[in-house]
Amino acid sequence: MKEATLNKKKAVVDEIRQQIEAAQSIVIAEYSGIDVQEITDLRAKFREAGVNYRVYKNTMVRRAFNELGHDEFDELLQGPNAFIFSDEDMVSGPKIAEEYAKDNEEKLIIKAGFIEGKAIDKEKVIALSKLPSKEILLSMLLRGLQGPVAGMAQVSNAILSSLVYGLNAVKEKKEQEEAA
């Protein structure tokens, strides 16, 4: 029985380690006093954004981080913690967590985060939450790229129009000379 329990724990640690490796960003938040309806709504928001909200035993998460060579969270992993894994967009999880934490200060407290293989503190998680989403950043980039292209098209169009007007003027002049 003891070996079966140990194998189950190893499987959970492996699952956590895989989630850590696959995540664009991770938020570690302390939770307390969240009722069933609130947590259901919060999980739905996370799910819609492609974010995974999980509650694991701190010892399991600590072991998974330690296996990956990170011991920065050892002291933070105490008390009831939720782990928010953003797999698709690194901003989504922190943004939703920060919005909820701001409105429910005593129920969800952001402790730290993990991004690009590095531990980040609470302030950096909050700063990350203020960034625009990936889609908005891409649209901003496209608008920025579109401006010079549109300008070049307008200049090209003006040059072609001038050429057409010039050729038309030459044609009209030749027609007038032939008529006279």
N, C-alpha and C. Protein backbone atom coordinates (compact mmCIF):
# COMPACT_ATOMS: atom_id res chain seq x y z
N MET A 1 0.82 -1.20 0.00
CA MET A 1 0.00 0.00 0.00
C MET A 1 0.86 1.25 0.00
N LYS A 2 1.95 1.20 0.76
CA LYS A 2 2.81 2.37 0.84
C LYS A 2 3.43 2.69 -0.53
N GLU A 3 3.80 1.64 -1.26
CA GLU A 3 4.40 1.84 -2.58
C GLU A 3 3.37 2.41 -3.57
N ALA A 4 2.13 1.98 -3.47
CA ALA A 4 1.06 2.50 -4.34
C ALA A 4 0.84 3.99 -4.07
N THR A 5 0.85 4.37 -2.80
CA THR A 5 0.69 5.79 -2.43
C THR A 5 1.85 6.60 -2.95
N LEU A 6 3.05 6.06 -2.83
CA LEU A 6 4.24 6.76 -3.31
C LEU A 6 4.18 6.94 -4.83
N ASN A 7 3.72 5.93 -5.54
CA ASN A 7 3.58 6.02 -6.99
C ASN A 7 2.55 7.07 -7.39
N LYS A 8 1.46 7.16 -6.65
CA LYS A 8 0.44 8.18 -6.93
C LYS A 8 1.03 9.58 -6.73
N LYS A 9 1.78 9.74 -5.67
CA LYS A 9 2.41 11.04 -5.40
C LYS A 9 3.41 11.40 -6.49
N LYS A 10 4.19 10.43 -6.94
CA LYS A 10 5.15 10.68 -8.02
C LYS A 10 4.43 11.09 -9.30
N ALA A 11 3.28 10.45 -9.56
CA ALA A 11 2.50 10.78 -10.75
C ALA A 11 1.99 12.23 -10.67
N VAL A 12 1.54 12.64 -9.48
CA VAL A 12 1.06 14.02 -9.31
C VAL A 12 2.22 15.00 -9.50
N VAL A 13 3.39 14.69 -8.94
CA VAL A 13 4.55 15.57 -9.10
C VAL A 13 4.94 15.66 -10.58
N ASP A 14 4.89 14.53 -11.30
CA ASP A 14 5.19 14.55 -12.74
C ASP A 14 4.18 15.41 -13.50
N GLU A 15 2.91 15.30 -13.14
CA GLU A 15 1.87 16.12 -13.77
C GLU A 15 2.14 17.61 -13.54
N ILE A 16 2.47 17.96 -12.32
CA ILE A 16 2.75 19.37 -11.98
C ILE A 16 3.98 19.85 -12.75
N ARG A 17 5.02 19.03 -12.77
CA ARG A 17 6.25 19.41 -13.48
C ARG A 17 5.97 19.65 -14.97
N GLN A 18 5.15 18.78 -15.57
CA GLN A 18 4.79 18.95 -16.98
C GLN A 18 4.01 20.24 -17.20
N GLN A 19 3.11 20.55 -16.26
CA GLN A 19 2.35 21.80 -16.39
C GLN A 19 3.27 23.01 -16.25
N ILE A 20 4.23 22.94 -15.36
CA ILE A 20 5.18 24.03 -15.18
C ILE A 20 5.97 24.23 -16.46
N GLU A 21 6.45 23.15 -17.05
CA GLU A 21 7.25 23.23 -18.27
C GLU A 21 6.45 23.74 -19.46
N ALA A 22 5.16 23.42 -19.51
CA ALA A 22 4.32 23.80 -20.66
C ALA A 22 3.75 25.21 -20.53
N ALA A 23 3.71 25.75 -19.32
CA ALA A 23 3.03 27.03 -19.09
C ALA A 23 3.85 28.22 -19.59
N GLN A 24 3.16 29.19 -20.18
CA GLN A 24 3.77 30.46 -20.55
C GLN A 24 4.04 31.29 -19.29
N SER A 25 3.09 31.21 -18.35
CA SER A 25 3.26 31.89 -17.06
C SER A 25 2.48 31.13 -16.00
N ILE A 26 2.92 31.31 -14.75
CA ILE A 26 2.26 30.67 -13.61
C ILE A 26 2.08 31.74 -12.54
N VAL A 27 0.91 31.75 -11.92
CA VAL A 27 0.65 32.64 -10.79
C VAL A 27 0.41 31.76 -9.57
N ILE A 28 1.06 32.10 -8.48
CA ILE A 28 0.81 31.42 -7.21
C ILE A 28 0.03 32.40 -6.35
N ALA A 29 -1.15 31.97 -5.91
CA ALA A 29 -2.03 32.86 -5.15
C ALA A 29 -2.60 32.12 -3.94
N GLU A 30 -2.65 32.83 -2.84
CA GLU A 30 -3.27 32.28 -1.64
C GLU A 30 -4.77 32.57 -1.73
N TYR A 31 -5.56 31.57 -1.41
CA TYR A 31 -7.02 31.75 -1.46
C TYR A 31 -7.63 31.39 -0.12
N SER A 32 -8.72 32.03 0.20
CA SER A 32 -9.47 31.67 1.41
C SER A 32 -10.84 32.34 1.35
N GLY A 33 -11.85 31.64 1.79
CA GLY A 33 -13.19 32.21 1.88
C GLY A 33 -13.92 32.35 0.56
N ILE A 34 -13.45 31.70 -0.49
CA ILE A 34 -14.14 31.76 -1.78
C ILE A 34 -15.23 30.70 -1.76
N ASP A 35 -16.48 31.13 -1.96
CA ASP A 35 -17.56 30.14 -1.93
C ASP A 35 -17.64 29.39 -3.25
N VAL A 36 -18.46 28.36 -3.28
CA VAL A 36 -18.53 27.46 -4.42
C VAL A 36 -18.91 28.19 -5.70
N GLN A 37 -19.91 29.08 -5.63
CA GLN A 37 -20.34 29.80 -6.82
C GLN A 37 -19.24 30.70 -7.36
N GLU A 38 -18.54 31.40 -6.47
CA GLU A 38 -17.45 32.28 -6.89
C GLU A 38 -16.32 31.51 -7.55
N ILE A 39 -15.94 30.38 -6.96
CA ILE A 39 -14.84 29.61 -7.54
C ILE A 39 -15.26 28.98 -8.86
N THR A 40 -16.53 28.61 -8.99
CA THR A 40 -17.03 28.07 -10.25
C THR A 40 -16.97 29.14 -11.34
N ASP A 41 -17.39 30.35 -11.02
CA ASP A 41 -17.34 31.46 -11.98
C ASP A 41 -15.90 31.81 -12.35
N LEU A 42 -15.03 31.83 -11.34
CA LEU A 42 -13.62 32.15 -11.58
C LEU A 42 -12.97 31.09 -12.46
N ARG A 43 -13.23 29.84 -12.17
CA ARG A 43 -12.67 28.75 -12.99
C ARG A 43 -13.18 28.84 -14.43
N ALA A 44 -14.44 29.23 -14.60
CA ALA A 44 -15.01 29.37 -15.95
C ALA A 44 -14.29 30.48 -16.72
N LYS A 45 -14.00 31.60 -16.05
CA LYS A 45 -13.25 32.69 -16.69
C LYS A 45 -11.87 32.20 -17.11
N PHE A 46 -11.21 31.48 -16.22
CA PHE A 46 -9.89 30.95 -16.54
C PHE A 46 -9.97 29.99 -17.72
N ARG A 47 -10.94 29.09 -17.70
CA ARG A 47 -11.09 28.10 -18.77
C ARG A 47 -11.32 28.78 -20.12
N GLU A 48 -12.18 29.82 -20.15
CA GLU A 48 -12.46 30.54 -21.40
C GLU A 48 -11.19 31.16 -21.98
N ALA A 49 -10.27 31.54 -21.11
CA ALA A 49 -9.03 32.18 -21.56
C ALA A 49 -7.91 31.17 -21.80
N GLY A 50 -8.21 29.88 -21.69
CA GLY A 50 -7.18 28.86 -21.90
C GLY A 50 -6.21 28.76 -20.73
N VAL A 51 -6.70 29.05 -19.55
CA VAL A 51 -5.89 29.05 -18.34
C VAL A 51 -6.38 27.94 -17.42
N ASN A 52 -5.43 27.27 -16.76
CA ASN A 52 -5.76 26.16 -15.88
C ASN A 52 -5.57 26.57 -14.43
N TYR A 53 -6.64 26.58 -13.65
CA TYR A 53 -6.63 26.92 -12.22
C TYR A 53 -6.63 25.62 -11.45
N ARG A 54 -5.58 25.37 -10.68
CA ARG A 54 -5.47 24.11 -9.95
C ARG A 54 -5.09 24.35 -8.50
N VAL A 55 -5.50 23.44 -7.66
CA VAL A 55 -5.08 23.44 -6.27
C VAL A 55 -4.36 22.12 -6.04
N TYR A 56 -3.10 22.21 -5.65
CA TYR A 56 -2.28 21.04 -5.35
C TYR A 56 -1.74 21.17 -3.94
N LYS A 57 -1.26 20.08 -3.41
CA LYS A 57 -0.57 20.13 -2.13
C LYS A 57 0.74 20.87 -2.34
N ASN A 58 1.07 21.75 -1.42
CA ASN A 58 2.29 22.55 -1.52
C ASN A 58 3.54 21.69 -1.63
N THR A 59 3.56 20.57 -0.91
CA THR A 59 4.75 19.72 -0.95
C THR A 59 4.96 19.14 -2.35
N MET A 60 3.87 18.84 -3.03
CA MET A 60 3.97 18.30 -4.40
C MET A 60 4.50 19.36 -5.35
N VAL A 61 4.00 20.57 -5.24
CA VAL A 61 4.45 21.67 -6.10
C VAL A 61 5.91 21.99 -5.80
N ARG A 62 6.25 22.03 -4.51
CA ARG A 62 7.64 22.30 -4.11
C ARG A 62 8.57 21.26 -4.73
N ARG A 63 8.18 19.99 -4.65
CA ARG A 63 9.01 18.92 -5.21
C ARG A 63 9.15 19.08 -6.73
N ALA A 64 8.06 19.42 -7.42
CA ALA A 64 8.12 19.59 -8.88
C ALA A 64 9.05 20.74 -9.25
N PHE A 65 8.92 21.89 -8.54
CA PHE A 65 9.82 23.01 -8.82
C PHE A 65 11.26 22.64 -8.50
N ASN A 66 11.48 21.93 -7.39
CA ASN A 66 12.84 21.53 -7.02
C ASN A 66 13.45 20.60 -8.05
N GLU A 67 12.64 19.70 -8.62
CA GLU A 67 13.14 18.81 -9.68
C GLU A 67 13.58 19.60 -10.91
N LEU A 68 12.96 20.75 -11.12
CA LEU A 68 13.32 21.62 -12.25
C LEU A 68 14.43 22.60 -11.89
N GLY A 69 14.94 22.50 -10.66
CA GLY A 69 16.05 23.34 -10.24
C GLY A 69 15.64 24.69 -9.68
N HIS A 70 14.43 24.81 -9.20
CA HIS A 70 13.94 26.07 -8.65
C HIS A 70 13.50 25.87 -7.21
N ASP A 71 14.16 26.58 -6.30
CA ASP A 71 13.77 26.50 -4.89
C ASP A 71 13.30 27.85 -4.36
N GLU A 72 13.04 28.79 -5.27
CA GLU A 72 12.64 30.15 -4.87
C GLU A 72 11.30 30.19 -4.15
N PHE A 73 10.46 29.20 -4.38
CA PHE A 73 9.11 29.23 -3.84
C PHE A 73 8.96 28.44 -2.54
N ASP A 74 10.03 27.84 -2.07
CA ASP A 74 9.95 26.96 -0.90
C ASP A 74 9.26 27.63 0.29
N GLU A 75 9.60 28.87 0.57
CA GLU A 75 9.01 29.55 1.72
C GLU A 75 7.59 30.05 1.44
N LEU A 76 7.27 30.32 0.18
CA LEU A 76 5.93 30.81 -0.17
C LEU A 76 4.88 29.70 -0.19
N LEU A 77 5.34 28.48 -0.36
CA LEU A 77 4.41 27.37 -0.51
C LEU A 77 3.95 26.86 0.85
N GLN A 78 3.18 27.71 1.51
CA GLN A 78 2.56 27.38 2.80
C GLN A 78 1.15 27.94 2.79
N GLY A 79 0.25 27.25 3.43
CA GLY A 79 -1.13 27.70 3.46
C GLY A 79 -1.87 27.27 2.21
N PRO A 80 -3.12 27.67 2.07
CA PRO A 80 -3.91 27.27 0.90
C PRO A 80 -3.52 28.08 -0.34
N ASN A 81 -2.91 27.40 -1.30
CA ASN A 81 -2.45 28.07 -2.52
C ASN A 81 -3.15 27.51 -3.75
N ALA A 82 -3.42 28.40 -4.68
CA ALA A 82 -3.92 28.02 -6.00
C ALA A 82 -2.81 28.28 -6.99
N PHE A 83 -2.77 27.49 -8.04
CA PHE A 83 -1.74 27.62 -9.05
C PHE A 83 -2.43 27.84 -10.39
N ILE A 84 -2.10 28.95 -11.04
CA ILE A 84 -2.79 29.38 -12.25
C ILE A 84 -1.80 29.27 -13.41
N PHE A 85 -2.03 28.28 -14.28
CA PHE A 85 -1.14 27.98 -15.39
C PHE A 85 -1.70 28.56 -16.68
N SER A 86 -0.99 29.51 -17.28
CA SER A 86 -1.40 30.09 -18.57
C SER A 86 -0.61 29.40 -19.67
N ASP A 87 -1.28 28.57 -20.43
CA ASP A 87 -0.58 27.80 -21.47
C ASP A 87 -0.52 28.53 -22.81
N GLU A 88 -1.56 29.30 -23.14
CA GLU A 88 -1.64 29.91 -24.47
C GLU A 88 -1.11 31.34 -24.50
N ASP A 89 -1.49 32.13 -23.54
CA ASP A 89 -1.12 33.55 -23.52
C ASP A 89 -0.62 33.88 -22.12
N MET A 90 0.61 34.32 -22.00
CA MET A 90 1.21 34.53 -20.68
C MET A 90 0.51 35.61 -19.85
N VAL A 91 -0.30 36.45 -20.48
CA VAL A 91 -0.94 37.56 -19.78
C VAL A 91 -2.31 37.17 -19.21
N SER A 92 -2.98 36.20 -19.82
CA SER A 92 -4.36 35.88 -19.44
C SER A 92 -4.52 35.49 -17.98
N GLY A 93 -3.73 34.55 -17.51
CA GLY A 93 -3.85 34.10 -16.12
C GLY A 93 -3.61 35.22 -15.12
N PRO A 94 -2.46 35.93 -15.25
CA PRO A 94 -2.23 37.04 -14.32
C PRO A 94 -3.31 38.11 -14.39
N LYS A 95 -3.83 38.40 -15.58
CA LYS A 95 -4.85 39.44 -15.74
C LYS A 95 -6.14 39.06 -14.99
N ILE A 96 -6.62 37.84 -15.20
CA ILE A 96 -7.84 37.40 -14.54
C ILE A 96 -7.63 37.32 -13.03
N ALA A 97 -6.49 36.78 -12.60
CA ALA A 97 -6.20 36.67 -11.17
C ALA A 97 -6.13 38.04 -10.51
N GLU A 98 -5.47 39.00 -11.17
CA GLU A 98 -5.32 40.35 -10.60
C GLU A 98 -6.67 41.05 -10.53
N GLU A 99 -7.50 40.91 -11.56
CA GLU A 99 -8.83 41.52 -11.53
C GLU A 99 -9.66 40.96 -10.38
N TYR A 100 -9.62 39.65 -10.21
CA TYR A 100 -10.38 39.04 -9.11
C TYR A 100 -9.80 39.45 -7.76
N ALA A 101 -8.47 39.44 -7.64
CA ALA A 101 -7.81 39.79 -6.38
C ALA A 101 -8.10 41.24 -6.00
N LYS A 102 -8.16 42.12 -7.00
CA LYS A 102 -8.44 43.54 -6.73
C LYS A 102 -9.84 43.73 -6.16
N ASP A 103 -10.80 42.97 -6.70
CA ASP A 103 -12.18 43.08 -6.24
C ASP A 103 -12.45 42.28 -4.96
N ASN A 104 -11.62 41.29 -4.68
CA ASN A 104 -11.81 40.39 -3.53
C ASN A 104 -10.49 40.22 -2.78
N GLU A 105 -9.99 41.32 -2.22
CA GLU A 105 -8.65 41.34 -1.63
C GLU A 105 -8.42 40.25 -0.59
N GLU A 106 -9.40 39.96 0.24
CA GLU A 106 -9.19 38.99 1.30
C GLU A 106 -9.34 37.55 0.81
N LYS A 107 -9.90 37.35 -0.38
CA LYS A 107 -10.17 36.00 -0.86
C LYS A 107 -9.07 35.43 -1.75
N LEU A 108 -8.38 36.29 -2.49
CA LEU A 108 -7.31 35.82 -3.36
C LEU A 108 -6.16 36.83 -3.27
N ILE A 109 -5.01 36.34 -2.85
CA ILE A 109 -3.83 37.19 -2.70
C ILE A 109 -2.72 36.63 -3.57
N ILE A 110 -2.29 37.41 -4.55
CA ILE A 110 -1.21 36.97 -5.42
C ILE A 110 0.09 37.00 -4.62
N LYS A 111 0.81 35.88 -4.65
CA LYS A 111 2.06 35.77 -3.90
C LYS A 111 3.29 35.92 -4.79
N ALA A 112 3.27 35.26 -5.94
CA ALA A 112 4.44 35.26 -6.82
C ALA A 112 4.03 34.68 -8.17
N GLY A 113 5.02 34.55 -9.05
CA GLY A 113 4.76 33.97 -10.35
C GLY A 113 5.99 33.32 -10.92
N PHE A 114 5.83 32.76 -12.08
CA PHE A 114 6.91 32.06 -12.76
C PHE A 114 6.71 32.28 -14.24
N ILE A 115 7.73 32.83 -14.90
CA ILE A 115 7.62 33.12 -16.33
C ILE A 115 8.98 32.91 -16.99
N GLU A 116 8.96 32.25 -18.15
CA GLU A 116 10.18 31.98 -18.91
C GLU A 116 11.28 31.38 -18.05
N GLY A 117 10.92 30.46 -17.18
CA GLY A 117 11.90 29.76 -16.37
C GLY A 117 12.45 30.54 -15.19
N LYS A 118 11.81 31.67 -14.87
CA LYS A 118 12.29 32.50 -13.77
C LYS A 118 11.16 32.83 -12.81
N ALA A 119 11.52 32.86 -11.53
CA ALA A 119 10.56 33.27 -10.51
C ALA A 119 10.41 34.78 -10.55
N ILE A 120 9.18 35.26 -10.40
CA ILE A 120 8.95 36.70 -10.34
C ILE A 120 8.13 37.02 -9.10
N ASP A 121 8.31 38.22 -8.59
CA ASP A 121 7.59 38.59 -7.37
C ASP A 121 6.18 39.11 -7.70
N LYS A 122 5.43 39.40 -6.67
CA LYS A 122 4.04 39.84 -6.80
C LYS A 122 3.92 41.07 -7.70
N GLU A 123 4.82 42.04 -7.53
CA GLU A 123 4.74 43.29 -8.30
C GLU A 123 4.91 43.02 -9.80
N LYS A 124 5.79 42.09 -10.15
CA LYS A 124 5.99 41.77 -11.57
C LYS A 124 4.79 41.02 -12.14
N VAL A 125 4.15 40.20 -11.32
CA VAL A 125 2.93 39.52 -11.76
C VAL A 125 1.85 40.56 -12.06
N ILE A 126 1.72 41.54 -11.16
CA ILE A 126 0.72 42.60 -11.36
C ILE A 126 1.06 43.43 -12.60
N ALA A 127 2.35 43.72 -12.79
CA ALA A 127 2.77 44.46 -13.99
C ALA A 127 2.46 43.66 -15.25
N LEU A 128 2.69 42.35 -15.20
CA LEU A 128 2.37 41.48 -16.34
C LEU A 128 0.87 41.49 -16.63
N SER A 129 0.07 41.56 -15.58
CA SER A 129 -1.39 41.56 -15.77
C SER A 129 -1.88 42.82 -16.46
N LYS A 130 -1.11 43.88 -16.42
CA LYS A 130 -1.51 45.15 -17.03
C LYS A 130 -1.16 45.21 -18.52
N LEU A 131 -0.37 44.26 -19.00
CA LEU A 131 -0.03 44.23 -20.42
C LEU A 131 -1.25 43.85 -21.25
N PRO A 132 -1.32 44.32 -22.48
CA PRO A 132 -2.42 43.89 -23.35
C PRO A 132 -2.26 42.42 -23.71
N SER A 133 -3.35 41.80 -24.11
CA SER A 133 -3.30 40.38 -24.49
C SER A 133 -2.52 40.23 -25.80
N LYS A 134 -2.20 38.98 -26.12
CA LYS A 134 -1.44 38.68 -27.31
C LYS A 134 -2.15 39.18 -28.57
N GLU A 135 -3.48 39.01 -28.63
CA GLU A 135 -4.23 39.44 -29.80
C GLU A 135 -4.17 40.96 -29.98
N ILE A 136 -4.28 41.69 -28.88
CA ILE A 136 -4.22 43.15 -28.96
C ILE A 136 -2.83 43.60 -29.38
N LEU A 137 -1.79 42.97 -28.82
CA LEU A 137 -0.42 43.32 -29.22
C LEU A 137 -0.19 43.06 -30.70
N LEU A 138 -0.71 41.94 -31.21
CA LEU A 138 -0.56 41.64 -32.63
C LEU A 138 -1.29 42.66 -33.50
N SER A 139 -2.49 43.06 -33.08
CA SER A 139 -3.22 44.06 -33.87
C SER A 139 -2.50 45.40 -33.84
N MET A 140 -1.91 45.74 -32.69
CA MET A 140 -1.14 46.98 -32.62
C MET A 140 0.08 46.92 -33.55
N LEU A 141 0.73 45.77 -33.59
CA LEU A 141 1.88 45.59 -34.47
C LEU A 141 1.46 45.71 -35.93
N LEU A 142 0.35 45.06 -36.28
CA LEU A 142 -0.13 45.12 -37.66
C LEU A 142 -0.51 46.54 -38.06
N ARG A 143 -1.15 47.28 -37.13
CA ARG A 143 -1.47 48.67 -37.44
C ARG A 143 -0.20 49.48 -37.65
N GLY A 144 0.80 49.21 -36.86
CA GLY A 144 2.07 49.92 -37.00
C GLY A 144 2.75 49.60 -38.32
N LEU A 145 2.65 48.34 -38.74
CA LEU A 145 3.24 47.95 -40.02
C LEU A 145 2.42 48.44 -41.20
N GLN A 146 1.13 48.54 -41.00
CA GLN A 146 0.23 48.94 -42.08
C GLN A 146 0.43 50.41 -42.46
N GLY A 147 0.77 51.25 -41.51
CA GLY A 147 0.94 52.68 -41.77
C GLY A 147 1.95 52.97 -42.86
N PRO A 148 3.19 52.49 -42.75
CA PRO A 148 4.18 52.75 -43.81
C PRO A 148 3.77 52.15 -45.15
N VAL A 149 3.15 50.98 -45.14
CA VAL A 149 2.73 50.35 -46.39
C VAL A 149 1.65 51.20 -47.06
N ALA A 150 0.70 51.67 -46.25
CA ALA A 150 -0.36 52.53 -46.81
C ALA A 150 0.23 53.82 -47.35
N GLY A 151 1.19 54.39 -46.65
CA GLY A 151 1.85 55.61 -47.12
C GLY A 151 2.58 55.38 -48.44
N MET A 152 3.27 54.25 -48.54
CA MET A 152 3.99 53.93 -49.77
C MET A 152 3.00 53.73 -50.92
N ALA A 153 1.86 53.11 -50.65
CA ALA A 153 0.84 52.91 -51.68
C ALA A 153 0.30 54.25 -52.15
N GLN A 154 0.09 55.19 -51.23
CA GLN A 154 -0.41 56.51 -51.61
C GLN A 154 0.61 57.25 -52.47
N VAL A 155 1.89 57.16 -52.09
CA VAL A 155 2.93 57.83 -52.87
C VAL A 155 3.01 57.20 -54.26
N SER A 156 2.97 55.87 -54.34
CA SER A 156 3.01 55.18 -55.63
C SER A 156 1.81 55.58 -56.48
N ASN A 157 0.65 55.67 -55.87
CA ASN A 157 -0.56 56.06 -56.58
C ASN A 157 -0.43 57.49 -57.09
N ALA A 158 0.14 58.38 -56.28
CA ALA A 158 0.32 59.77 -56.70
C ALA A 158 1.28 59.85 -57.89
N ILE A 159 2.35 59.06 -57.85
CA ILE A 159 3.33 59.06 -58.97
C ILE A 159 2.66 58.55 -60.24
N LEU A 160 1.90 57.47 -60.12
CA LEU A 160 1.22 56.92 -61.29
C LEU A 160 0.19 57.91 -61.83
N SER A 161 -0.53 58.56 -60.93
CA SER A 161 -1.52 59.56 -61.36
C SER A 161 -0.84 60.70 -62.11
N SER A 162 0.29 61.17 -61.59
CA SER A 162 1.04 62.24 -62.26
C SER A 162 1.50 61.80 -63.63
N LEU A 163 1.97 60.56 -63.74
CA LEU A 163 2.42 60.03 -65.02
C LEU A 163 1.26 59.97 -66.00
N VAL A 164 0.10 59.49 -65.55
CA VAL A 164 -1.08 59.40 -66.42
C VAL A 164 -1.50 60.81 -66.86
N TYR A 165 -1.54 61.78 -65.93
CA TYR A 165 -1.90 63.15 -66.30
C TYR A 165 -0.90 63.73 -67.30
N GLY A 166 0.39 63.45 -67.07
CA GLY A 166 1.42 63.95 -67.99
C GLY A 166 1.26 63.35 -69.38
N LEU A 167 1.07 62.05 -69.46
CA LEU A 167 0.88 61.39 -70.76
C LEU A 167 -0.38 61.89 -71.45
N ASN A 168 -1.44 62.11 -70.67
CA ASN A 168 -2.68 62.61 -71.21
C ASN A 168 -2.48 64.02 -71.77
N ALA A 169 -1.69 64.85 -71.05
CA ALA A 169 -1.42 66.21 -71.52
C ALA A 169 -0.63 66.18 -72.84
N VAL A 170 0.34 65.28 -72.93
CA VAL A 170 1.13 65.14 -74.16
C VAL A 170 0.23 64.70 -75.31
N LYS A 171 -0.66 63.77 -75.04
CA LYS A 171 -1.59 63.28 -76.05
C LYS A 171 -2.48 64.41 -76.56
N GLU A 172 -3.03 65.20 -75.61
CA GLU A 172 -3.90 66.30 -75.99
C GLU A 172 -3.14 67.34 -76.80
N LYS A 173 -1.90 67.61 -76.43
CA LYS A 173 -1.09 68.59 -77.16
C LYS A 173 -0.83 68.12 -78.58
N LYS A 174 -0.50 66.82 -78.75
CA LYS A 174 -0.27 66.27 -80.09
C LYS A 174 -1.54 66.31 -80.92
N GLU A 175 -2.70 66.03 -80.28
CA GLU A 175 -3.96 66.09 -81.01
C GLU A 175 -4.25 67.51 -81.46
N GLN A 176 -3.93 68.50 -80.61
CA GLN A 176 -4.15 69.90 -80.98
C GLN A 176 -3.21 70.30 -82.12
N GLU A 177 -1.96 69.83 -82.08
CA GLU A 177 -1.01 70.16 -83.14
C GLU A 177 -1.45 69.55 -84.48
N GLU A 178 -1.96 68.32 -84.43
CA GLU A 178 -2.42 67.66 -85.64
C GLU A 178 -3.66 68.33 -86.20
N ALA A 179 -4.53 68.85 -85.33
CA ALA A 179 -5.74 69.51 -85.75
C ALA A 179 -5.42 70.86 -86.38
N ALA A 180 -4.37 71.48 -86.00
CA ALA A 180 -4.05 72.80 -86.49
C ALA A 180 -3.25 72.81 -87.73
